Structure formats: C-alpha cells, structure tokens
C-alpha cells in the first residue's frame, strides 16, 4: 500500500510517535490520525526491527496515552 502522505508529513508523524511526551490524542489533534493509523504508518515506514523497538517502547507507556497519564498522575484512588 503506497503512502498517501508527503515525505514531510510522514517525517512529522514519526517524530511525534517517537516523542515520549506527545500523546496519541495530541498526534490525532495535530495530524488527524488515530492511534491505529499512526501504528500503520510506523509499520509501513520503519524497518521491522525499528518498528518492534518502537512498539515495545510505547506499549503501555503512560505518557503516550492521556487517560493512563491522568490516572497515573492522580495516584491510587481510595476505592481501590
């Protein structure tokens, strides 16, 4: 499948995806791509070993998912 994004757009998406502090929600606001689409771009554009390294790095990473980050920052709830 050929990329429908320019080289500059792909570069920007990859940069945002690698940044620890840029959440997928922010990437969506800036580029219009949801997390699944970002993963597809990364899979298509990176070497397989680089893609695996990136996926391992961002999987479950609190700072890549706003909901997880907010939950993490608020600390454990009394109900838990």
C-alpha atoms as a PDB file:
ATOM      1  CA  UNK A   1       0.000   0.000   0.000  1.00  0.00           C
ATOM      2  CA  UNK A   2       1.507   3.310  -1.076  1.00  0.00           C
ATOM      3  CA  UNK A   3       1.614   6.132   1.438  1.00  0.00           C
ATOM      4  CA  UNK A   4      -0.852   8.952   0.794  1.00  0.00           C
ATOM      5  CA  UNK A   5       1.256  11.302   2.913  1.00  0.00           C
ATOM      6  CA  UNK A   6       4.084  13.533   1.787  1.00  0.00           C
ATOM      7  CA  UNK A   7       7.618  12.860   2.988  1.00  0.00           C
ATOM      8  CA  UNK A   8       7.320  15.842   5.345  1.00  0.00           C
ATOM      9  CA  UNK A   9       4.051  14.537   6.811  1.00  0.00           C
ATOM     10  CA  UNK A  10       5.481  11.053   7.340  1.00  0.00           C
ATOM     11  CA  UNK A  11       8.553  12.537   8.993  1.00  0.00           C
ATOM     12  CA  UNK A  12       6.376  14.604  11.327  1.00  0.00           C
ATOM     13  CA  UNK A  13       4.157  11.624  12.231  1.00  0.00           C
ATOM     14  CA  UNK A  14       7.218   9.504  13.012  1.00  0.00           C
ATOM     15  CA  UNK A  15       8.735  12.283  15.125  1.00  0.00           C
ATOM     16  CA  UNK A  16       5.540  12.705  17.142  1.00  0.00           C
ATOM     17  CA  UNK A  17       5.202   8.944  17.576  1.00  0.00           C
ATOM     18  CA  UNK A  18       8.760   8.597  18.939  1.00  0.00           C
ATOM     19  CA  UNK A  19       8.397  11.522  21.361  1.00  0.00           C
ATOM     20  CA  UNK A  20       7.601  10.207  24.830  1.00  0.00           C
ATOM     21  CA  UNK A  21       5.588  13.225  25.899  1.00  0.00           C
ATOM     22  CA  UNK A  22       3.413  13.509  22.784  1.00  0.00           C
ATOM     23  CA  UNK A  23       0.254  11.504  23.456  1.00  0.00           C
ATOM     24  CA  UNK A  24      -1.677   9.726  20.744  1.00  0.00           C
ATOM     25  CA  UNK A  25      -4.502  12.171  21.431  1.00  0.00           C
ATOM     26  CA  UNK A  26      -2.167  15.089  20.635  1.00  0.00           C
ATOM     27  CA  UNK A  27      -0.983  13.320  17.489  1.00  0.00           C
ATOM     28  CA  UNK A  28      -4.618  12.958  16.454  1.00  0.00           C
ATOM     29  CA  UNK A  29      -5.255  16.673  17.050  1.00  0.00           C
ATOM     30  CA  UNK A  30      -2.169  17.677  15.051  1.00  0.00           C
ATOM     31  CA  UNK A  31      -2.379  15.190  12.186  1.00  0.00           C
ATOM     32  CA  UNK A  32      -5.917  13.804  12.209  1.00  0.00           C
ATOM     33  CA  UNK A  33      -4.598  10.243  12.612  1.00  0.00           C
ATOM     34  CA  UNK A  34      -5.898   7.993  15.378  1.00  0.00           C
ATOM     35  CA  UNK A  35      -3.538   5.608  17.200  1.00  0.00           C
ATOM     36  CA  UNK A  36      -4.288   2.693  14.850  1.00  0.00           C
ATOM     37  CA  UNK A  37      -3.379   4.824  11.821  1.00  0.00           C
ATOM     38  CA  UNK A  38      -0.155   6.021  13.483  1.00  0.00           C
ATOM     39  CA  UNK A  39       0.787   2.378  14.104  1.00  0.00           C
ATOM     40  CA  UNK A  40       0.090   1.583  10.429  1.00  0.00           C
ATOM     41  CA  UNK A  41       2.328   4.463   9.273  1.00  0.00           C
ATOM     42  CA  UNK A  42       5.088   3.387  11.638  1.00  0.00           C
ATOM     43  CA  UNK A  43       4.826  -0.246  10.494  1.00  0.00           C
ATOM     44  CA  UNK A  44       4.979   0.788   6.837  1.00  0.00           C
ATOM     45  CA  UNK A  45       7.748   3.379   7.116  1.00  0.00           C
ATOM     46  CA  UNK A  46      10.160   1.904   9.684  1.00  0.00           C
ATOM     47  CA  UNK A  47      12.435  -1.077   9.325  1.00  0.00           C
ATOM     48  CA  UNK A  48      10.876  -4.123  11.025  1.00  0.00           C
ATOM     49  CA  UNK A  49      13.370  -4.054  13.903  1.00  0.00           C
ATOM     50  CA  UNK A  50      12.805  -0.319  14.449  1.00  0.00           C
ATOM     51  CA  UNK A  51       9.043  -0.825  14.426  1.00  0.00           C
ATOM     52  CA  UNK A  52       9.290  -3.611  17.021  1.00  0.00           C
ATOM     53  CA  UNK A  53      11.518  -1.428  19.199  1.00  0.00           C
ATOM     54  CA  UNK A  54       9.043   1.468  18.947  1.00  0.00           C
ATOM     55  CA  UNK A  55       6.022  -0.756  19.741  1.00  0.00           C
ATOM     56  CA  UNK A  56       7.778  -2.211  22.750  1.00  0.00           C
ATOM     57  CA  UNK A  57       8.668   1.302  23.900  1.00  0.00           C
ATOM     58  CA  UNK A  58       5.161   2.790  23.609  1.00  0.00           C
ATOM     59  CA  UNK A  59       3.071  -0.227  24.640  1.00  0.00           C
ATOM     60  CA  UNK A  60       1.538   0.662  27.956  1.00  0.00           C
ATOM     61  CA  UNK A  61       3.693   3.783  28.254  1.00  0.00           C
ATOM     62  CA  UNK A  62       1.771   6.142  30.487  1.00  0.00           C
ATOM     63  CA  UNK A  63       2.876   9.295  28.654  1.00  0.00           C
ATOM     64  CA  UNK A  64       1.598   8.099  25.245  1.00  0.00           C
ATOM     65  CA  UNK A  65      -2.000   7.702  26.413  1.00  0.00           C
ATOM     66  CA  UNK A  66      -3.686  10.691  28.035  1.00  0.00           C
ATOM     67  CA  UNK A  67      -6.115   8.535  30.037  1.00  0.00           C
ATOM     68  CA  UNK A  68      -3.290   6.447  31.519  1.00  0.00           C
ATOM     69  CA  UNK A  69      -1.281   9.583  32.267  1.00  0.00           C
ATOM     70  CA  UNK A  70      -4.183  11.269  34.047  1.00  0.00           C
ATOM     71  CA  UNK A  71      -4.856   8.116  36.056  1.00  0.00           C
ATOM     72  CA  UNK A  72      -1.150   7.818  36.909  1.00  0.00           C
ATOM     73  CA  UNK A  73      -0.854  11.458  37.985  1.00  0.00           C
ATOM     74  CA  UNK A  74      -3.968  11.325  40.143  1.00  0.00           C
ATOM     75  CA  UNK A  75      -2.499   8.424  42.110  1.00  0.00           C
ATOM     76  CA  UNK A  76      -4.360   5.462  43.561  1.00  0.00           C
ATOM     77  CA  UNK A  77      -7.977   6.084  44.381  1.00  0.00           C
ATOM     78  CA  UNK A  78      -9.410   5.401  47.833  1.00  0.00           C
ATOM     79  CA  UNK A  79     -11.848   2.920  46.293  1.00  0.00           C
ATOM     80  CA  UNK A  80      -9.065   0.654  45.027  1.00  0.00           C
END
